[in-house]
Every structure is written in structure tokens, then in C-alpha cells.
Amino acid sequence: TGIELEFRDANDAELANQIVQEGEASPADVFLTENSPS
């Protein structure tokens, strides 16, 4: 695709909480979880 990837790795709950706190200002484009609840 020519698209590069920048990964931010942490656990499910930490990343989900971070995205909620960041809201619409989150730099995240895609969220990948280990388990689905987050």
C-alpha cells in the first residue's frame, strides 16, 4: 500500500482508556485489542 505504520503498544485497558481520554484529539487511526471488551 505504501502506507507506513507507527505502533503504540500497551495493554487493552490502558490503550482504551487513553483513547477515551484523548477523544476526538486522539492520534490513533486504528485500535487493535487482545480481547474484545476494551
PDB file of all heavy atoms in Angstrom:
ATOM      1  N   THR A   1       0.793  -1.233   0.000  1.00  0.00           N
ATOM      2  CA  THR A   1       0.000   0.000   0.000  1.00  0.00           C
ATOM      3  C   THR A   1       0.822   1.279   0.000  1.00  0.00           C
ATOM      4  O   THR A   1       0.295   2.346  -0.314  1.00  0.00           O
ATOM      5  CB  THR A   1      -0.918   0.039   1.234  1.00  0.00           C
ATOM      6  OG1 THR A   1      -0.097   0.112   2.414  1.00  0.00           O
ATOM      7  CG2 THR A   1      -1.801  -1.201   1.295  1.00  0.00           C
ATOM      8  N   GLY A   2       2.088   1.188   0.407  1.00  0.00           N
ATOM      9  CA  GLY A   2       2.900   2.392   0.563  1.00  0.00           C
ATOM     10  C   GLY A   2       2.620   3.136   1.850  1.00  0.00           C
ATOM     11  O   GLY A   2       3.167   4.220   2.086  1.00  0.00           O
ATOM     12  N   ILE A   3       1.788   2.574   2.709  1.00  0.00           N
ATOM     13  CA  ILE A   3       1.405   3.230   3.967  1.00  0.00           C
ATOM     14  C   ILE A   3       2.290   2.699   5.094  1.00  0.00           C
ATOM     15  O   ILE A   3       2.326   1.500   5.360  1.00  0.00           O
ATOM     16  CB  ILE A   3      -0.072   2.956   4.306  1.00  0.00           C
ATOM     17  CG1 ILE A   3      -0.980   3.445   3.173  1.00  0.00           C
ATOM     18  CG2 ILE A   3      -0.447   3.618   5.628  1.00  0.00           C
ATOM     19  CD1 ILE A   3      -2.421   2.977   3.294  1.00  0.00           C
ATOM     20  N   GLU A   4       2.979   3.595   5.780  1.00  0.00           N
ATOM     21  CA  GLU A   4       3.810   3.186   6.908  1.00  0.00           C
ATOM     22  C   GLU A   4       2.963   3.108   8.180  1.00  0.00           C
ATOM     23  O   GLU A   4       1.877   3.685   8.257  1.00  0.00           O
ATOM     24  CB  GLU A   4       4.963   4.171   7.100  1.00  0.00           C
ATOM     25  CG  GLU A   4       5.932   4.199   5.944  1.00  0.00           C
ATOM     26  CD  GLU A   4       7.105   5.129   6.172  1.00  0.00           C
ATOM     27  OE1 GLU A   4       7.273   5.586   7.327  1.00  0.00           O
ATOM     28  OE2 GLU A   4       7.836   5.401   5.214  1.00  0.00           O
ATOM     29  N   LEU A   5       3.485   2.402   9.162  1.00  0.00           N
ATOM     30  CA  LEU A   5       2.751   2.184  10.403  1.00  0.00           C
ATOM     31  C   LEU A   5       3.578   2.617  11.600  1.00  0.00           C
ATOM     32  O   LEU A   5       4.756   2.288  11.708  1.00  0.00           O
ATOM     33  CB  LEU A   5       2.378   0.705  10.560  1.00  0.00           C
ATOM     34  CG  LEU A   5       1.540   0.102   9.437  1.00  0.00           C
ATOM     35  CD1 LEU A   5       1.329  -1.387   9.681  1.00  0.00           C
ATOM     36  CD2 LEU A   5       0.198   0.814   9.302  1.00  0.00           C
ATOM     37  N   GLU A   6       2.934   3.353  12.497  1.00  0.00           N
ATOM     38  CA  GLU A   6       3.540   3.706  13.771  1.00  0.00           C
ATOM     39  C   GLU A   6       2.736   3.002  14.861  1.00  0.00           C
ATOM     40  O   GLU A   6       1.537   3.234  15.008  1.00  0.00           O
ATOM     41  CB  GLU A   6       3.494   5.218  14.000  1.00  0.00           C
ATOM     42  CG  GLU A   6       4.002   5.640  15.374  1.00  0.00           C
ATOM     43  CD  GLU A   6       3.898   7.138  15.591  1.00  0.00           C
ATOM     44  OE1 GLU A   6       4.649   7.880  14.932  1.00  0.00           O
ATOM     45  OE2 GLU A   6       3.049   7.559  16.396  1.00  0.00           O
ATOM     46  N   PHE A   7       3.393   2.110  15.605  1.00  0.00           N
ATOM     47  CA  PHE A   7       2.721   1.330  16.638  1.00  0.00           C
ATOM     48  C   PHE A   7       2.922   1.947  18.015  1.00  0.00           C
ATOM     49  O   PHE A   7       4.023   2.355  18.358  1.00  0.00           O
ATOM     50  CB  PHE A   7       3.263  -0.103  16.658  1.00  0.00           C
ATOM     51  CG  PHE A   7       2.868  -0.928  15.474  1.00  0.00           C
ATOM     52  CD1 PHE A   7       3.707  -1.026  14.380  1.00  0.00           C
ATOM     53  CD2 PHE A   7       1.662  -1.603  15.452  1.00  0.00           C
ATOM     54  CE1 PHE A   7       3.350  -1.791  13.276  1.00  0.00           C
ATOM     55  CE2 PHE A   7       1.301  -2.373  14.369  1.00  0.00           C
ATOM     56  CZ  PHE A   7       2.140  -2.467  13.269  1.00  0.00           C
ATOM     57  N   ARG A   8       1.849   1.971  18.788  1.00  0.00           N
ATOM     58  CA  ARG A   8       1.926   2.296  20.205  1.00  0.00           C
ATOM     59  C   ARG A   8       1.388   1.087  20.955  1.00  0.00           C
ATOM     60  O   ARG A   8       0.195   0.790  20.891  1.00  0.00           O
ATOM     61  CB  ARG A   8       1.129   3.565  20.521  1.00  0.00           C
ATOM     62  CG  ARG A   8       1.621   4.765  19.711  1.00  0.00           C
ATOM     63  CD  ARG A   8       1.021   6.068  20.181  1.00  0.00           C
ATOM     64  NE  ARG A   8       1.536   7.181  19.377  1.00  0.00           N
ATOM     65  CZ  ARG A   8       1.360   8.461  19.677  1.00  0.00           C
ATOM     66  NH1 ARG A   8       0.690   8.792  20.765  1.00  0.00           N
ATOM     67  NH2 ARG A   8       1.846   9.406  18.897  1.00  0.00           N
ATOM     68  N   ASP A   9       2.275   0.354  21.609  1.00  0.00           N
ATOM     69  CA  ASP A   9       1.954  -0.932  22.220  1.00  0.00           C
ATOM     70  C   ASP A   9       1.775  -0.799  23.730  1.00  0.00           C
ATOM     71  O   ASP A   9       2.636  -0.249  24.411  1.00  0.00           O
ATOM     72  CB  ASP A   9       3.064  -1.948  21.928  1.00  0.00           C
ATOM     73  CG  ASP A   9       3.227  -2.210  20.442  1.00  0.00           C
ATOM     74  OD1 ASP A   9       2.303  -2.773  19.831  1.00  0.00           O
ATOM     75  OD2 ASP A   9       4.286  -1.847  19.897  1.00  0.00           O
ATOM     76  N   ALA A  10       0.658  -1.306  24.231  1.00  0.00           N
ATOM     77  CA  ALA A  10       0.398  -1.362  25.665  1.00  0.00           C
ATOM     78  C   ALA A  10      -0.724  -2.371  25.855  1.00  0.00           C
ATOM     79  O   ALA A  10      -1.105  -3.083  24.916  1.00  0.00           O
ATOM     80  CB  ALA A  10       0.048   0.012  26.223  1.00  0.00           C
ATOM     81  N   ASN A  11      -1.292  -2.456  27.072  1.00  0.00           N
ATOM     82  CA  ASN A  11      -2.357  -3.438  27.264  1.00  0.00           C
ATOM     83  C   ASN A  11      -3.720  -2.867  26.870  1.00  0.00           C
ATOM     84  O   ASN A  11      -3.873  -1.665  26.646  1.00  0.00           O
ATOM     85  CB  ASN A  11      -2.360  -3.975  28.700  1.00  0.00           C
ATOM     86  CG  ASN A  11      -2.689  -2.913  29.732  1.00  0.00           C
ATOM     87  OD1 ASN A  11      -3.642  -2.151  29.590  1.00  0.00           O
ATOM     88  ND2 ASN A  11      -1.896  -2.850  30.784  1.00  0.00           N
ATOM     89  N   ASP A  12      -4.699  -3.761  26.784  1.00  0.00           N
ATOM     90  CA  ASP A  12      -6.035  -3.400  26.310  1.00  0.00           C
ATOM     91  C   ASP A  12      -6.618  -2.198  27.054  1.00  0.00           C
ATOM     92  O   ASP A  12      -7.007  -1.194  26.453  1.00  0.00           O
ATOM     93  CB  ASP A  12      -6.994  -4.588  26.495  1.00  0.00           C
ATOM     94  CG  ASP A  12      -6.854  -5.651  25.424  1.00  0.00           C
ATOM     95  OD1 ASP A  12      -6.316  -5.349  24.358  1.00  0.00           O
ATOM     96  OD2 ASP A  12      -7.308  -6.781  25.662  1.00  0.00           O
ATOM     97  N   ALA A  13      -6.725  -2.350  28.377  1.00  0.00           N
ATOM     98  CA  ALA A  13      -7.403  -1.322  29.174  1.00  0.00           C
ATOM     99  C   ALA A  13      -6.672   0.003  29.125  1.00  0.00           C
ATOM    100  O   ALA A  13      -7.297   1.074  29.042  1.00  0.00           O
ATOM    101  CB  ALA A  13      -7.549  -1.800  30.616  1.00  0.00           C
ATOM    102  N   GLU A  14      -5.340  -0.044  29.176  1.00  0.00           N
ATOM    103  CA  GLU A  14      -4.549   1.193  29.148  1.00  0.00           C
ATOM    104  C   GLU A  14      -4.800   1.973  27.865  1.00  0.00           C
ATOM    105  O   GLU A  14      -5.028   3.191  27.888  1.00  0.00           O
ATOM    106  CB  GLU A  14      -3.071   0.866  29.295  1.00  0.00           C
ATOM    107  CG  GLU A  14      -2.162   2.083  29.288  1.00  0.00           C
ATOM    108  CD  GLU A  14      -0.694   1.722  29.375  1.00  0.00           C
ATOM    109  OE1 GLU A  14      -0.378   0.556  29.638  1.00  0.00           O
ATOM    110  OE2 GLU A  14       0.132   2.630  29.167  1.00  0.00           O
ATOM    111  N   LEU A  15      -4.768   1.275  26.736  1.00  0.00           N
ATOM    112  CA  LEU A  15      -4.948   1.957  25.460  1.00  0.00           C
ATOM    113  C   LEU A  15      -6.387   2.444  25.280  1.00  0.00           C
ATOM    114  O   LEU A  15      -6.621   3.545  24.770  1.00  0.00           O
ATOM    115  CB  LEU A  15      -4.554   1.035  24.317  1.00  0.00           C
ATOM    116  CG  LEU A  15      -3.042   0.765  24.184  1.00  0.00           C
ATOM    117  CD1 LEU A  15      -2.782  -0.268  23.098  1.00  0.00           C
ATOM    118  CD2 LEU A  15      -2.281   2.060  23.877  1.00  0.00           C
ATOM    119  N   ALA A  16      -7.356   1.621  25.685  1.00  0.00           N
ATOM    120  CA  ALA A  16      -8.750   2.051  25.567  1.00  0.00           C
ATOM    121  C   ALA A  16      -9.004   3.295  26.406  1.00  0.00           C
ATOM    122  O   ALA A  16      -9.643   4.259  25.943  1.00  0.00           O
ATOM    123  CB  ALA A  16      -9.684   0.920  25.992  1.00  0.00           C
ATOM    124  N   ASN A  17      -8.511   3.283  27.630  1.00  0.00           N
ATOM    125  CA  ASN A  17      -8.694   4.456  28.494  1.00  0.00           C
ATOM    126  C   ASN A  17      -8.003   5.682  27.923  1.00  0.00           C
ATOM    127  O   ASN A  17      -8.517   6.802  28.006  1.00  0.00           O
ATOM    128  CB  ASN A  17      -8.150   4.160  29.894  1.00  0.00           C
ATOM    129  CG  ASN A  17      -9.008   3.169  30.654  1.00  0.00           C
ATOM    130  OD1 ASN A  17     -10.193   3.044  30.388  1.00  0.00           O
ATOM    131  ND2 ASN A  17      -8.407   2.454  31.585  1.00  0.00           N
ATOM    132  N   GLN A  18      -6.833   5.464  27.316  1.00  0.00           N
ATOM    133  CA  GLN A  18      -6.107   6.587  26.730  1.00  0.00           C
ATOM    134  C   GLN A  18      -6.901   7.198  25.575  1.00  0.00           C
ATOM    135  O   GLN A  18      -7.016   8.423  25.463  1.00  0.00           O
ATOM    136  CB  GLN A  18      -4.737   6.122  26.238  1.00  0.00           C
ATOM    137  CG  GLN A  18      -3.891   7.251  25.647  1.00  0.00           C
ATOM    138  CD  GLN A  18      -2.488   6.782  25.295  1.00  0.00           C
ATOM    139  OE1 GLN A  18      -1.995   5.778  25.811  1.00  0.00           O
ATOM    140  NE2 GLN A  18      -1.834   7.514  24.402  1.00  0.00           N
ATOM    141  N   ILE A  19      -7.478   6.347  24.736  1.00  0.00           N
ATOM    142  CA  ILE A  19      -8.254   6.855  23.602  1.00  0.00           C
ATOM    143  C   ILE A  19      -9.495   7.604  24.088  1.00  0.00           C
ATOM    144  O   ILE A  19      -9.853   8.660  23.557  1.00  0.00           O
ATOM    145  CB  ILE A  19      -8.642   5.701  22.655  1.00  0.00           C
ATOM    146  CG1 ILE A  19      -7.387   5.146  21.963  1.00  0.00           C
ATOM    147  CG2 ILE A  19      -9.643   6.175  21.605  1.00  0.00           C
ATOM    148  CD1 ILE A  19      -7.638   3.879  21.159  1.00  0.00           C
ATOM    149  N   VAL A  20     -10.158   7.072  25.117  1.00  0.00           N
ATOM    150  CA  VAL A  20     -11.335   7.754  25.665  1.00  0.00           C
ATOM    151  C   VAL A  20     -10.949   9.134  26.192  1.00  0.00           C
ATOM    152  O   VAL A  20     -11.649  10.126  25.950  1.00  0.00           O
ATOM    153  CB  VAL A  20     -11.982   6.909  26.775  1.00  0.00           C
ATOM    154  CG1 VAL A  20     -13.039   7.724  27.524  1.00  0.00           C
ATOM    155  CG2 VAL A  20     -12.616   5.657  26.190  1.00  0.00           C
ATOM    156  N   GLN A  21      -9.817   9.200  26.890  1.00  0.00           N
ATOM    157  CA  GLN A  21      -9.367  10.488  27.418  1.00  0.00           C
ATOM    158  C   GLN A  21      -8.980  11.446  26.297  1.00  0.00           C
ATOM    159  O   GLN A  21      -9.232  12.656  26.380  1.00  0.00           O
ATOM    160  CB  GLN A  21      -8.186  10.262  28.356  1.00  0.00           C
ATOM    161  CG  GLN A  21      -8.564   9.551  29.651  1.00  0.00           C
ATOM    162  CD  GLN A  21      -7.362   9.138  30.467  1.00  0.00           C
ATOM    163  OE1 GLN A  21      -6.218   9.388  30.086  1.00  0.00           O
ATOM    164  NE2 GLN A  21      -7.597   8.495  31.604  1.00  0.00           N
ATOM    165  N   GLU A  22      -8.369  10.920  25.251  1.00  0.00           N
ATOM    166  CA  GLU A  22      -7.951  11.775  24.136  1.00  0.00           C
ATOM    167  C   GLU A  22      -9.140  12.250  23.316  1.00  0.00           C
ATOM    168  O   GLU A  22      -9.104  13.330  22.717  1.00  0.00           O
ATOM    169  CB  GLU A  22      -6.972  11.011  23.243  1.00  0.00           C
ATOM    170  CG  GLU A  22      -5.626  10.729  23.904  1.00  0.00           C
ATOM    171  CD  GLU A  22      -4.790   9.731  23.128  1.00  0.00           C
ATOM    172  OE1 GLU A  22      -5.358   8.998  22.281  1.00  0.00           O
ATOM    173  OE2 GLU A  22      -3.578   9.657  23.385  1.00  0.00           O
ATOM    174  N   GLY A  23     -10.193  11.423  23.247  1.00  0.00           N
ATOM    175  CA  GLY A  23     -11.389  11.791  22.500  1.00  0.00           C
ATOM    176  C   GLY A  23     -11.086  12.046  21.033  1.00  0.00           C
ATOM    177  O   GLY A  23     -10.298  11.331  20.408  1.00  0.00           O
ATOM    178  N   GLU A  24     -11.698  13.079  20.491  1.00  0.00           N
ATOM    179  CA  GLU A  24     -11.514  13.388  19.078  1.00  0.00           C
ATOM    180  C   GLU A  24     -10.100  13.857  18.756  1.00  0.00           C
ATOM    181  O   GLU A  24      -9.724  13.914  17.591  1.00  0.00           O
ATOM    182  CB  GLU A  24     -12.518  14.451  18.643  1.00  0.00           C
ATOM    183  CG  GLU A  24     -13.968  13.970  18.687  1.00  0.00           C
ATOM    184  CD  GLU A  24     -14.932  15.007  18.152  1.00  0.00           C
ATOM    185  OE1 GLU A  24     -14.471  16.097  17.751  1.00  0.00           O
ATOM    186  OE2 GLU A  24     -16.148  14.729  18.143  1.00  0.00           O
ATOM    187  N   ALA A  25      -9.320  14.176  19.788  1.00  0.00           N
ATOM    188  CA  ALA A  25      -7.941  14.612  19.563  1.00  0.00           C
ATOM    189  C   ALA A  25      -6.962  13.448  19.525  1.00  0.00           C
ATOM    190  O   ALA A  25      -5.760  13.658  19.361  1.00  0.00           O
ATOM    191  CB  ALA A  25      -7.525  15.584  20.663  1.00  0.00           C
ATOM    192  N   SER A  26      -7.457  12.226  19.656  1.00  0.00           N
ATOM    193  CA  SER A  26      -6.564  11.071  19.675  1.00  0.00           C
ATOM    194  C   SER A  26      -5.795  10.962  18.365  1.00  0.00           C
ATOM    195  O   SER A  26      -6.369  11.091  17.279  1.00  0.00           O
ATOM    196  CB  SER A  26      -7.351   9.780  19.904  1.00  0.00           C
ATOM    197  OG  SER A  26      -6.482   8.657  19.844  1.00  0.00           O
ATOM    198  N   PRO A  27      -4.483  10.687  18.454  1.00  0.00           N
ATOM    199  CA  PRO A  27      -3.715  10.477  17.228  1.00  0.00           C
ATOM    200  C   PRO A  27      -3.941   9.103  16.618  1.00  0.00           C
ATOM    201  O   PRO A  27      -3.475   8.833  15.511  1.00  0.00           O
ATOM    202  CB  PRO A  27      -2.258  10.629  17.699  1.00  0.00           C
ATOM    203  CG  PRO A  27      -2.296  10.203  19.126  1.00  0.00           C
ATOM    204  CD  PRO A  27      -3.637  10.666  19.652  1.00  0.00           C
ATOM    205  N   ALA A  28      -4.647   8.225  17.340  1.00  0.00           N
ATOM    206  CA  ALA A  28      -4.845   6.855  16.859  1.00  0.00           C
ATOM    207  C   ALA A  28      -5.731   6.828  15.619  1.00  0.00           C
ATOM    208  O   ALA A  28      -6.748   7.514  15.548  1.00  0.00           O
ATOM    209  CB  ALA A  28      -5.458   6.002  17.954  1.00  0.00           C
ATOM    210  N   ASP A  29      -5.333   6.023  14.651  1.00  0.00           N
ATOM    211  CA  ASP A  29      -6.156   5.762  13.470  1.00  0.00           C
ATOM    212  C   ASP A  29      -6.860   4.411  13.585  1.00  0.00           C
ATOM    213  O   ASP A  29      -8.001   4.258  13.154  1.00  0.00           O
ATOM    214  CB  ASP A  29      -5.300   5.786  12.205  1.00  0.00           C
ATOM    215  CG  ASP A  29      -4.677   7.131  11.943  1.00  0.00           C
ATOM    216  OD1 ASP A  29      -5.420   8.096  11.703  1.00  0.00           O
ATOM    217  OD2 ASP A  29      -3.425   7.235  12.001  1.00  0.00           O
ATOM    218  N   VAL A  30      -6.140   3.426  14.161  1.00  0.00           N
ATOM    219  CA  VAL A  30      -6.655   2.058  14.285  1.00  0.00           C
ATOM    220  C   VAL A  30      -6.367   1.562  15.688  1.00  0.00           C
ATOM    221  O   VAL A  30      -5.306   1.849  16.253  1.00  0.00           O
ATOM    222  CB  VAL A  30      -5.990   1.123  13.244  1.00  0.00           C
ATOM    223  CG1 VAL A  30      -6.414  -0.325  13.458  1.00  0.00           C
ATOM    224  CG2 VAL A  30      -6.332   1.574  11.828  1.00  0.00           C
ATOM    225  N   PHE A  31      -7.311   0.815  16.262  1.00  0.00           N
ATOM    226  CA  PHE A  31      -7.131   0.205  17.580  1.00  0.00           C
ATOM    227  C   PHE A  31      -7.215  -1.306  17.421  1.00  0.00           C
ATOM    228  O   PHE A  31      -8.186  -1.830  16.864  1.00  0.00           O
ATOM    229  CB  PHE A  31      -8.209   0.704  18.539  1.00  0.00           C
ATOM    230  CG  PHE A  31      -8.073   0.202  19.958  1.00  0.00           C
ATOM    231  CD1 PHE A  31      -6.837  -0.010  20.542  1.00  0.00           C
ATOM    232  CD2 PHE A  31      -9.215  -0.043  20.722  1.00  0.00           C
ATOM    233  CE1 PHE A  31      -6.721  -0.454  21.848  1.00  0.00           C
ATOM    234  CE2 PHE A  31      -9.113  -0.480  22.037  1.00  0.00           C
ATOM    235  CZ  PHE A  31      -7.865  -0.699  22.598  1.00  0.00           C
ATOM    236  N   LEU A  32      -6.198  -2.017  17.907  1.00  0.00           N
ATOM    237  CA  LEU A  32      -6.162  -3.476  17.899  1.00  0.00           C
ATOM    238  C   LEU A  32      -6.108  -3.966  19.337  1.00  0.00           C
ATOM    239  O   LEU A  32      -5.258  -3.518  20.106  1.00  0.00           O
ATOM    240  CB  LEU A  32      -4.935  -3.997  17.140  1.00  0.00           C
ATOM    241  CG  LEU A  32      -4.703  -3.467  15.728  1.00  0.00           C
ATOM    242  CD1 LEU A  32      -3.433  -4.087  15.138  1.00  0.00           C
ATOM    243  CD2 LEU A  32      -5.906  -3.766  14.840  1.00  0.00           C
ATOM    244  N   THR A  33      -6.999  -4.874  19.693  1.00  0.00           N
ATOM    245  CA  THR A  33      -7.026  -5.378  21.054  1.00  0.00           C
ATOM    246  C   THR A  33      -6.652  -6.849  21.115  1.00  0.00           C
ATOM    247  O   THR A  33      -6.734  -7.578  20.122  1.00  0.00           O
ATOM    248  CB  THR A  33      -8.417  -5.214  21.692  1.00  0.00           C
ATOM    249  OG1 THR A  33      -9.351  -6.079  21.016  1.00  0.00           O
ATOM    250  CG2 THR A  33      -8.888  -3.786  21.621  1.00  0.00           C
ATOM    251  N   GLU A  34      -6.272  -7.269  22.322  1.00  0.00           N
ATOM    252  CA  GLU A  34      -6.020  -8.681  22.564  1.00  0.00           C
ATOM    253  C   GLU A  34      -7.341  -9.399  22.841  1.00  0.00           C
ATOM    254  O   GLU A  34      -7.573 -10.502  22.368  1.00  0.00           O
ATOM    255  CB  GLU A  34      -5.057  -8.828  23.740  1.00  0.00           C
ATOM    256  CG  GLU A  34      -4.539 -10.233  23.933  1.00  0.00           C
ATOM    257  CD  GLU A  34      -3.433 -10.263  24.962  1.00  0.00           C
ATOM    258  OE1 GLU A  34      -3.420  -9.426  25.882  1.00  0.00           O
ATOM    259  OE2 GLU A  34      -2.570 -11.140  24.847  1.00  0.00           O
ATOM    260  N   ASN A  35      -8.208  -8.774  23.637  1.00  0.00           N
ATOM    261  CA  ASN A  35      -9.561  -9.260  23.907  1.00  0.00           C
ATOM    262  C   ASN A  35     -10.543  -8.152  23.557  1.00  0.00           C
ATOM    263  O   ASN A  35     -10.188  -6.974  23.533  1.00  0.00           O
ATOM    264  CB  ASN A  35      -9.709  -9.649  25.375  1.00  0.00           C
ATOM    265  CG  ASN A  35      -8.893 -10.867  25.749  1.00  0.00           C
ATOM    266  OD1 ASN A  35      -9.268 -11.998  25.479  1.00  0.00           O
ATOM    267  ND2 ASN A  35      -7.743 -10.645  26.381  1.00  0.00           N
ATOM    268  N   SER A  36     -11.793  -8.525  23.317  1.00  0.00           N
ATOM    269  CA  SER A  36     -12.733  -7.544  22.761  1.00  0.00           C
ATOM    270  C   SER A  36     -13.367  -6.563  23.738  1.00  0.00           C
ATOM    271  O   SER A  36     -13.843  -5.512  23.293  1.00  0.00           O
ATOM    272  CB  SER A  36     -13.845  -8.273  22.001  1.00  0.00           C
ATOM    273  OG  SER A  36     -14.605  -9.085  22.862  1.00  0.00           O
ATOM    274  N   PRO A  37     -13.451  -6.838  25.063  1.00  0.00           N
ATOM    275  CA  PRO A  37     -14.156  -5.872  25.912  1.00  0.00           C
ATOM    276  C   PRO A  37     -13.658  -4.440  25.811  1.00  0.00           C
ATOM    277  O   PRO A  37     -14.462  -3.499  25.886  1.00  0.00           O
ATOM    278  CB  PRO A  37     -13.952  -6.452  27.314  1.00  0.00           C
ATOM    279  CG  PRO A  37     -13.921  -7.928  27.099  1.00  0.00           C
ATOM    280  CD  PRO A  37     -13.143  -8.087  25.825  1.00  0.00           C
ATOM    281  N   SER A  38     -12.354  -4.240  25.643  1.00  0.00           N
ATOM    282  CA  SER A  38     -11.837  -2.870  25.598  1.00  0.00           C
ATOM    283  C   SER A  38     -12.252  -2.130  24.334  1.00  0.00           C
ATOM    284  O   SER A  38     -12.475  -0.920  24.360  1.00  0.00           O
ATOM    285  CB  SER A  38     -10.308  -2.875  25.730  1.00  0.00           C
ATOM    286  OG  SER A  38      -9.930  -3.170  27.055  1.00  0.00           O
TER     287      SER A  38
END
